[in-house]
Amino acid sequence: MSLLEWVFWSLLFLGLYPYVIYPLLVIALGKLIERRVAASDDYLPRVTVITAAYNEARHIAATVRNKLEQDYPAHLIDVIVVSDESTDGTDEIVTRIAEADSRVRLLRQVPRQGKTAGLNLAMAQARGEIIVFSDANSIYRADTVRRLVRNFADERVGYVTGRMLYVNPDGSLVGDGCSAFMRYENALRGAETRLGSLVGVDGGVDAVRRALYKPMRADQLPDFVLPLSVVEQGYRAVFEPEAILTEDTLTSESSEYRMRVRVALRALWALWDKRGLLNPFFNAVFAWQLWSHKVLRYLSFLPLSAALVLNWFLLGVGPLYVVGAVAQVVYLLMVVLALRGPGSLASHALNRYSFYFALLNWASAVAFVRFLRGQKQVLWQPRVG
């Protein structure tokens, strides 16, 4: 094998490793280690649900009532809504609900400072032993809070995330790709939990012990920084697949792209802030998970792009590289068909998933460039389904 071939296969391996090889290794190791969570349905601590909202008048009433109607003792659950200087009537809607139910409180954050600052503000007034975080458009199944909380009966557990199901009634391009990606992520989170702790969580359906909450800077991503902080303190972050929320997918490519860039950028900064966890001398297994699931995945566009280019320089070496070049052309065609093809071709599953994989990697590339430039993002518009 020539040096160029060795470089090609090394790059291809590195690019595909976080998506294919790492999950297989986690599943295999999880079956060997199998660290179970000592959950109990009888564990019923006081719970505060916190929702940060900016101009969420369309969703906020349904979201708040959904939490009040959870299958959980009514006297043990309350809701705090932090309005990040909303201007669309969100505050008035929450105020009316609070007037009818004393378990609801509205906090108004002025000037606008973003979700993370809002969570810090609400935590100072939270009464619950367990804090549940819900997005302003997240609808829980009736038993979701109970399912989340039961895991805290295990004193080693400090953070719990549930399972997000994207609702996509129109079969839209990004929605289907996004739903498939979340199914993949949820399966990986279950496998990581069996090893000890997972790496990524869903910000719309997760919970933390109040005693473990560490205030964060406004530019930090709470969905990533907070569970990492919990692991730093020696506790587990785990996945509860029966704690389910439903949320509308984004129905435009541009909206999904902007969201993915924002999440990737903030995750890169979170990795930088928590880079001590990448040290295998702190926790070798978790460091390996963090490198594999996050660092290498967010940077996988680099080795994959290089491998794709090198493939064309190796066409004369053997038929395998010709097959690789043809595969590239076919993949590009599937992405184009997903974007611009006729109805049946644009909606074909392989085309949709090919497009979404390309979108994820392009968003990571853009986020990485912004990270290198020192750019940060604190404020953004709500997701639009």
Protein backbone atom coordinates (compact mmCIF):
# COMPACT_ATOMS: atom_id res chain seq x y z
CA MET A 1 0.00 0.00 0.00
CA SER A 2 1.39 3.38 -1.01
CA LEU A 3 1.66 6.31 1.37
CA LEU A 4 -1.19 8.10 -0.41
CA GLU A 5 -3.44 5.07 -0.01
CA TRP A 6 -2.52 4.76 3.66
CA VAL A 7 -3.41 8.42 4.21
CA PHE A 8 -6.71 7.99 2.34
CA TRP A 9 -7.85 5.01 4.43
CA SER A 10 -6.72 6.65 7.65
CA LEU A 11 -8.73 9.78 6.86
CA LEU A 12 -11.78 7.77 5.84
CA PHE A 13 -11.60 5.76 9.06
CA LEU A 14 -11.25 8.93 11.15
CA GLY A 15 -14.20 10.57 9.41
CA LEU A 16 -16.53 7.59 9.76
CA TYR A 17 -15.36 6.52 13.21
CA PRO A 18 -17.65 8.78 15.31
CA TYR A 19 -20.74 7.84 13.27
CA VAL A 20 -20.23 4.10 12.80
CA ILE A 21 -17.35 2.52 14.70
CA TYR A 22 -17.72 4.39 18.00
CA PRO A 23 -21.44 3.47 18.40
CA LEU A 24 -20.66 -0.19 17.73
CA LEU A 25 -17.89 -0.13 20.34
CA VAL A 26 -20.17 1.56 22.89
CA ILE A 27 -22.90 -1.03 22.35
CA ALA A 28 -20.43 -3.89 22.76
CA LEU A 29 -18.79 -2.45 25.89
CA GLY A 30 -22.16 -1.56 27.38
CA LYS A 31 -23.21 -5.19 27.24
CA LEU A 32 -20.07 -6.15 29.13
CA ILE A 33 -20.21 -3.41 31.78
CA GLU A 34 -23.98 -2.82 32.13
CA ARG A 35 -24.11 -0.15 34.87
CA ARG A 36 -27.79 -0.19 35.78
CA VAL A 37 -29.70 2.72 37.32
CA ALA A 38 -31.42 1.91 40.62
CA ALA A 39 -34.61 3.77 39.71
CA SER A 40 -37.77 3.69 41.81
CA ASP A 41 -41.35 4.75 41.04
CA ASP A 42 -41.84 5.46 44.74
CA TYR A 43 -39.32 8.30 44.72
CA LEU A 44 -41.40 11.50 44.59
CA PRO A 45 -39.37 14.61 45.54
CA ARG A 46 -40.51 18.18 45.01
CA VAL A 47 -40.04 19.23 41.36
CA THR A 48 -39.74 22.64 39.69
CA VAL A 49 -40.15 22.85 35.92
CA ILE A 50 -38.26 25.77 34.38
CA THR A 51 -38.99 27.11 30.89
CA ALA A 52 -37.09 29.97 29.28
CA ALA A 53 -39.20 31.73 26.65
CA TYR A 54 -38.71 34.50 24.15
CA ASN A 55 -41.80 35.46 22.13
CA GLU A 56 -43.47 32.07 22.56
CA ALA A 57 -47.10 33.22 22.73
CA ARG A 58 -48.02 30.54 20.19
CA HIS A 59 -46.89 27.67 22.42
CA ILE A 60 -46.48 28.80 26.01
CA ALA A 61 -50.03 28.19 27.33
CA ALA A 62 -50.09 24.59 26.07
CA THR A 63 -46.60 23.96 27.42
CA VAL A 64 -47.33 25.28 30.91
CA ARG A 65 -50.67 23.44 31.21
CA ASN A 66 -49.00 20.28 29.96
CA LYS A 67 -46.61 20.41 32.92
CA LEU A 68 -49.35 21.22 35.43
CA GLU A 69 -51.34 18.21 34.21
CA GLN A 70 -48.49 15.72 34.59
CA ASP A 71 -49.15 12.44 36.37
CA TYR A 72 -47.29 13.67 39.44
CA PRO A 73 -48.59 14.79 42.86
CA ALA A 74 -49.92 18.30 42.23
CA HIS A 75 -48.58 19.68 45.52
CA LEU A 76 -45.07 18.53 44.60
CA ILE A 77 -44.71 20.26 41.24
CA ASP A 78 -44.51 23.93 40.26
CA VAL A 79 -43.58 25.83 37.10
CA ILE A 80 -41.37 28.87 36.52
CA VAL A 81 -41.43 30.65 33.16
CA VAL A 82 -38.59 33.06 32.47
CA SER A 83 -39.60 35.55 29.81
CA ASP A 84 -36.50 36.89 28.09
CA GLU A 85 -38.02 40.35 27.49
CA SER A 86 -40.79 38.90 25.31
CA THR A 87 -42.86 41.40 23.33
CA ASP A 88 -45.58 39.21 21.77
CA GLY A 89 -47.92 38.65 24.72
CA THR A 90 -46.08 35.69 26.25
CA ASP A 91 -45.96 37.41 29.65
CA GLU A 92 -49.67 38.17 29.68
CA ILE A 93 -50.56 34.56 28.86
CA VAL A 94 -48.39 33.19 31.67
CA THR A 95 -49.72 35.81 34.10
CA ARG A 96 -53.31 34.72 33.43
CA ILE A 97 -52.39 31.09 34.09
CA ALA A 98 -50.54 32.08 37.28
CA GLU A 99 -53.56 33.98 38.55
CA ALA A 100 -55.61 30.78 38.27
CA ASP A 101 -52.91 28.41 39.59
CA SER A 102 -50.46 29.43 42.31
CA ARG A 103 -48.00 26.76 41.19
CA VAL A 104 -47.03 28.96 38.22
CA ARG A 105 -44.65 31.91 38.45
CA LEU A 106 -43.47 34.36 35.81
CA LEU A 107 -40.02 35.94 35.92
CA ARG A 108 -39.18 38.65 33.40
CA GLN A 109 -35.55 39.04 32.35
CA VAL A 110 -34.69 42.58 31.24
CA PRO A 111 -32.69 43.33 29.22
CA ARG A 112 -32.76 40.27 27.02
CA GLN A 113 -29.82 38.00 27.89
CA GLY A 114 -30.64 34.57 26.44
CA LYS A 115 -31.74 31.17 27.71
CA THR A 116 -28.76 30.37 29.90
CA ALA A 117 -28.97 33.61 31.87
CA GLY A 118 -32.70 32.96 32.25
CA LEU A 119 -32.05 29.53 33.76
CA ASN A 120 -29.58 31.05 36.22
CA LEU A 121 -32.21 33.59 37.24
CA ALA A 122 -34.92 30.95 37.73
CA MET A 123 -32.68 28.56 39.67
CA ALA A 124 -32.25 31.17 42.40
CA GLN A 125 -36.00 30.94 43.07
CA ALA A 126 -36.64 27.26 42.39
CA ARG A 127 -38.17 25.29 45.24
CA GLY A 128 -37.78 21.80 43.87
CA GLU A 129 -35.15 19.29 44.88
CA ILE A 130 -35.21 18.17 41.26
CA ILE A 131 -35.25 20.73 38.44
CA VAL A 132 -36.83 19.80 35.11
CA PHE A 133 -35.96 21.87 32.03
CA SER A 134 -38.57 22.24 29.30
CA ASP A 135 -38.47 24.22 26.07
CA ALA A 136 -41.35 26.58 25.41
CA ASN A 137 -42.75 24.31 22.68
CA SER A 138 -42.11 20.94 24.36
CA ILE A 139 -45.14 18.77 25.08
CA TYR A 140 -44.56 15.90 27.51
CA ARG A 141 -46.44 12.66 27.71
CA ALA A 142 -48.47 12.45 30.90
CA ASP A 143 -45.89 10.41 32.81
CA THR A 144 -42.70 12.12 31.54
CA VAL A 145 -41.85 14.02 34.74
CA ARG A 146 -42.42 10.91 36.84
CA ARG A 147 -40.22 8.88 34.48
CA LEU A 148 -37.42 11.43 34.67
CA VAL A 149 -37.54 11.78 38.43
CA ARG A 150 -37.60 8.05 39.23
CA ASN A 151 -33.94 7.80 38.20
CA PHE A 152 -32.85 10.16 41.00
CA ALA A 153 -33.70 7.45 43.52
CA ASP A 154 -30.20 6.28 42.57
CA GLU A 155 -27.92 8.56 44.58
CA ARG A 156 -25.20 8.26 41.92
CA VAL A 157 -27.43 9.93 39.30
CA GLY A 158 -27.19 13.69 38.98
CA TYR A 159 -28.68 14.36 35.55
CA VAL A 160 -31.36 12.65 33.47
CA THR A 161 -32.41 13.26 29.88
CA GLY A 162 -35.48 11.89 28.12
CA ARG A 163 -36.36 10.94 24.58
CA MET A 164 -37.42 13.49 22.00
CA LEU A 165 -39.83 12.49 19.25
CA TYR A 166 -40.10 14.94 16.37
CA VAL A 167 -43.60 15.36 14.98
CA ASN A 168 -43.52 15.63 11.20
CA PRO A 169 -47.03 15.23 9.76
CA ASP A 170 -46.23 16.57 6.29
CA GLY A 171 -43.22 14.33 5.57
CA SER A 172 -40.98 17.36 4.99
CA LEU A 173 -37.34 16.95 3.94
CA VAL A 174 -35.56 18.18 7.04
CA GLY A 175 -38.16 16.78 9.39
CA ASP A 176 -37.61 13.20 8.26
CA GLY A 177 -33.84 13.53 8.36
CA CYS A 178 -33.99 15.15 11.77
CA SER A 179 -36.27 12.40 13.12
CA ALA A 180 -33.92 9.69 11.86
CA PHE A 181 -30.96 11.47 13.43
CA MET A 182 -32.73 11.64 16.80
CA ARG A 183 -33.54 7.91 16.67
CA TYR A 184 -29.85 7.27 16.08
CA GLU A 185 -28.84 9.64 18.91
CA ASN A 186 -31.31 8.08 21.35
CA ALA A 187 -29.98 4.59 20.66
CA LEU A 188 -26.44 5.86 21.27
CA ARG A 189 -27.46 7.57 24.52
CA GLY A 190 -28.94 4.34 25.80
CA ALA A 191 -25.70 2.51 25.06
CA GLU A 192 -23.59 5.25 26.69
CA THR A 193 -25.75 5.13 29.81
CA ARG A 194 -24.92 1.46 30.25
CA LEU A 195 -21.24 2.46 30.32
CA GLY A 196 -21.86 5.03 33.05
CA SER A 197 -22.73 8.46 31.66
CA LEU A 198 -23.96 9.81 28.36
CA VAL A 199 -22.40 12.75 26.55
CA GLY A 200 -25.30 14.66 24.92
CA VAL A 201 -28.79 15.48 26.20
CA ASP A 202 -32.07 16.98 24.97
CA GLY A 203 -32.58 20.40 26.49
CA GLY A 204 -36.36 20.13 26.21
CA VAL A 205 -36.72 17.07 28.45
CA ASP A 206 -34.04 16.78 31.10
CA ALA A 207 -33.59 17.18 34.84
CA VAL A 208 -30.86 17.85 37.39
CA ARG A 209 -30.47 17.73 41.15
CA ARG A 210 -30.74 21.36 42.26
CA ALA A 211 -27.74 20.91 44.56
CA LEU A 212 -25.54 20.10 41.54
CA TYR A 213 -26.53 23.07 39.40
CA LYS A 214 -23.62 25.38 38.66
CA PRO A 215 -24.45 28.86 37.27
CA MET A 216 -23.24 29.25 33.70
CA ARG A 217 -22.09 32.15 31.57
CA ALA A 218 -24.71 33.52 29.18
CA ASP A 219 -22.78 32.21 26.16
CA GLN A 220 -22.59 28.62 27.44
CA LEU A 221 -24.86 25.85 26.12
CA PRO A 222 -26.79 24.50 29.14
CA ASP A 223 -27.80 21.29 27.34
CA PHE A 224 -24.12 20.38 27.13
CA VAL A 225 -22.26 22.29 29.85
CA LEU A 226 -24.59 21.35 32.72
CA PRO A 227 -24.42 17.55 32.32
CA LEU A 228 -20.66 17.81 31.89
CA SER A 229 -20.54 19.80 35.12
CA VAL A 230 -22.52 17.04 36.84
CA VAL A 231 -20.04 14.41 35.62
CA GLU A 232 -17.18 16.62 36.86
CA GLN A 233 -18.76 16.44 40.32
CA GLY A 234 -18.67 12.64 40.23
CA TYR A 235 -22.30 11.91 39.36
CA ARG A 236 -23.85 10.11 36.41
CA ALA A 237 -25.80 11.64 33.52
CA VAL A 238 -28.23 9.03 32.19
CA PHE A 239 -30.87 8.43 29.53
CA GLU A 240 -34.50 7.62 30.34
CA PRO A 241 -36.17 6.41 27.11
CA GLU A 242 -39.65 6.36 28.65
CA ALA A 243 -39.58 10.09 29.47
CA ILE A 244 -40.94 11.32 26.17
CA LEU A 245 -41.61 14.73 24.67
CA THR A 246 -42.94 15.60 21.25
CA GLU A 247 -41.75 18.65 19.36
CA ASP A 248 -42.40 19.94 15.85
CA THR A 249 -39.56 19.52 13.41
CA LEU A 250 -38.30 22.46 11.43
CA THR A 251 -39.85 22.49 7.99
CA SER A 252 -37.28 24.53 6.09
CA GLU A 253 -33.69 23.73 5.28
CA SER A 254 -32.53 27.22 6.27
CA SER A 255 -34.12 27.02 9.74
CA GLU A 256 -32.59 23.63 10.45
CA TYR A 257 -29.22 24.78 9.16
CA ARG A 258 -29.18 27.88 11.40
CA MET A 259 -30.17 25.81 14.42
CA ARG A 260 -27.44 23.23 13.73
CA VAL A 261 -24.78 25.93 13.31
CA ARG A 262 -25.81 27.55 16.58
CA VAL A 263 -25.80 24.26 18.50
CA ALA A 264 -22.45 23.20 17.03
CA LEU A 265 -20.82 26.55 17.78
CA ARG A 266 -21.96 26.57 21.38
CA ALA A 267 -20.97 22.91 21.78
CA LEU A 268 -17.45 23.66 20.56
CA TRP A 269 -17.13 26.42 23.14
CA ALA A 270 -18.51 24.05 25.79
CA LEU A 271 -15.86 21.48 24.88
CA TRP A 272 -13.24 24.18 25.25
CA ASP A 273 -14.60 25.26 28.63
CA LYS A 274 -14.76 21.67 29.88
CA ARG A 275 -11.59 20.47 28.17
CA GLY A 276 -10.38 18.99 31.46
CA LEU A 277 -12.87 16.16 30.90
CA LEU A 278 -10.98 15.23 27.72
CA ASN A 279 -8.07 14.21 29.92
CA PRO A 280 -8.17 10.39 30.23
CA PHE A 281 -6.55 10.62 33.69
CA PHE A 282 -9.79 12.15 35.03
CA ASN A 283 -12.13 9.48 33.69
CA ALA A 284 -10.70 7.37 30.89
CA VAL A 285 -14.01 5.95 29.62
CA PHE A 286 -15.85 9.27 29.68
CA ALA A 287 -12.90 11.08 28.05
CA TRP A 288 -13.00 8.50 25.24
CA GLN A 289 -16.76 9.05 24.87
CA LEU A 290 -16.37 12.82 24.77
CA TRP A 291 -13.58 12.70 22.19
CA SER A 292 -15.50 10.23 20.04
CA HIS A 293 -19.09 11.44 20.29
CA LYS A 294 -18.43 15.17 20.24
CA VAL A 295 -14.93 16.33 19.28
CA LEU A 296 -14.33 13.90 16.42
CA ARG A 297 -17.91 14.12 15.21
CA TYR A 298 -17.93 17.91 15.03
CA LEU A 299 -14.60 17.79 13.19
CA SER A 300 -15.38 14.78 10.98
CA PHE A 301 -15.94 17.06 7.99
CA LEU A 302 -12.17 17.63 7.87
CA PRO A 303 -10.97 14.02 7.33
CA LEU A 304 -14.03 13.16 5.22
CA SER A 305 -13.45 16.09 2.87
CA ALA A 306 -9.76 15.28 2.57
CA ALA A 307 -10.51 11.62 1.87
CA LEU A 308 -13.01 12.52 -0.85
CA VAL A 309 -10.42 14.67 -2.59
CA LEU A 310 -7.66 12.06 -2.30
CA ASN A 311 -9.99 9.44 -3.79
CA TRP A 312 -9.77 11.19 -7.17
CA PHE A 313 -5.96 11.07 -7.13
CA LEU A 314 -6.12 7.30 -6.61
CA LEU A 315 -8.39 6.41 -9.54
CA GLY A 316 -5.54 4.76 -11.44
CA VAL A 317 -4.46 2.61 -8.50
CA GLY A 318 -7.35 0.15 -8.54
CA PRO A 319 -11.07 -0.43 -9.15
CA LEU A 320 -11.92 0.17 -5.48
CA TYR A 321 -11.14 3.86 -5.87
CA VAL A 322 -13.23 4.04 -9.04
CA VAL A 323 -16.13 2.66 -7.01
CA GLY A 324 -15.44 5.33 -4.40
CA ALA A 325 -15.53 8.09 -7.00
CA VAL A 326 -18.81 6.77 -8.42
CA ALA A 327 -20.23 6.62 -4.90
CA GLN A 328 -19.37 10.29 -4.42
CA VAL A 329 -21.20 11.24 -7.60
CA VAL A 330 -24.22 9.17 -6.61
CA TYR A 331 -24.27 10.73 -3.13
CA LEU A 332 -24.11 14.24 -4.57
CA LEU A 333 -26.93 13.35 -6.93
CA MET A 334 -29.07 12.14 -4.02
CA VAL A 335 -28.48 15.41 -2.16
CA VAL A 336 -29.44 17.43 -5.24
CA LEU A 337 -32.55 15.31 -5.79
CA ALA A 338 -33.58 15.84 -2.17
CA LEU A 339 -33.29 19.59 -2.67
CA ARG A 340 -34.53 20.06 -6.22
CA GLY A 341 -35.90 16.77 -7.49
CA PRO A 342 -39.52 15.89 -8.33
CA GLY A 343 -41.81 14.86 -5.48
CA SER A 344 -41.21 11.10 -5.36
CA LEU A 345 -37.43 11.42 -5.70
CA ALA A 346 -37.14 14.37 -3.31
CA SER A 347 -39.08 12.45 -0.66
CA HIS A 348 -37.17 9.19 -1.01
CA ALA A 349 -35.66 8.16 2.35
CA LEU A 350 -32.09 7.70 1.08
CA ASN A 351 -32.12 11.11 -0.57
CA ARG A 352 -33.50 12.81 2.54
CA TYR A 353 -31.00 11.15 4.86
CA SER A 354 -28.12 11.92 2.49
CA PHE A 355 -29.12 15.57 2.48
CA TYR A 356 -29.40 15.71 6.27
CA PHE A 357 -25.95 14.18 6.76
CA ALA A 358 -24.53 16.79 4.39
CA LEU A 359 -26.37 19.55 6.27
CA LEU A 360 -24.98 18.38 9.63
CA ASN A 361 -21.40 18.38 8.38
CA TRP A 362 -21.70 21.70 6.58
CA ALA A 363 -23.15 23.28 9.72
CA SER A 364 -20.26 21.84 11.75
CA ALA A 365 -17.75 23.29 9.28
CA VAL A 366 -19.31 26.75 9.47
CA ALA A 367 -19.47 26.57 13.27
CA PHE A 368 -15.81 25.51 13.46
CA VAL A 369 -14.71 28.50 11.38
CA ARG A 370 -16.70 30.81 13.63
CA PHE A 371 -15.19 29.13 16.69
CA LEU A 372 -11.68 29.74 15.37
CA ARG A 373 -12.62 33.39 14.84
CA GLY A 374 -13.74 33.64 18.47
CA GLN A 375 -17.41 34.20 17.65
CA LYS A 376 -20.07 33.31 20.21
CA GLN A 377 -23.86 33.27 20.07
CA VAL A 378 -26.05 34.05 23.06
CA LEU A 379 -29.36 35.20 21.55
CA TRP A 380 -31.46 33.63 18.81
CA GLN A 381 -35.01 33.41 17.56
CA PRO A 382 -37.32 30.56 18.71
CA ARG A 383 -37.51 27.41 16.62
CA VAL A 384 -40.32 27.59 14.10
CA GLY A 385 -42.02 24.31 13.22
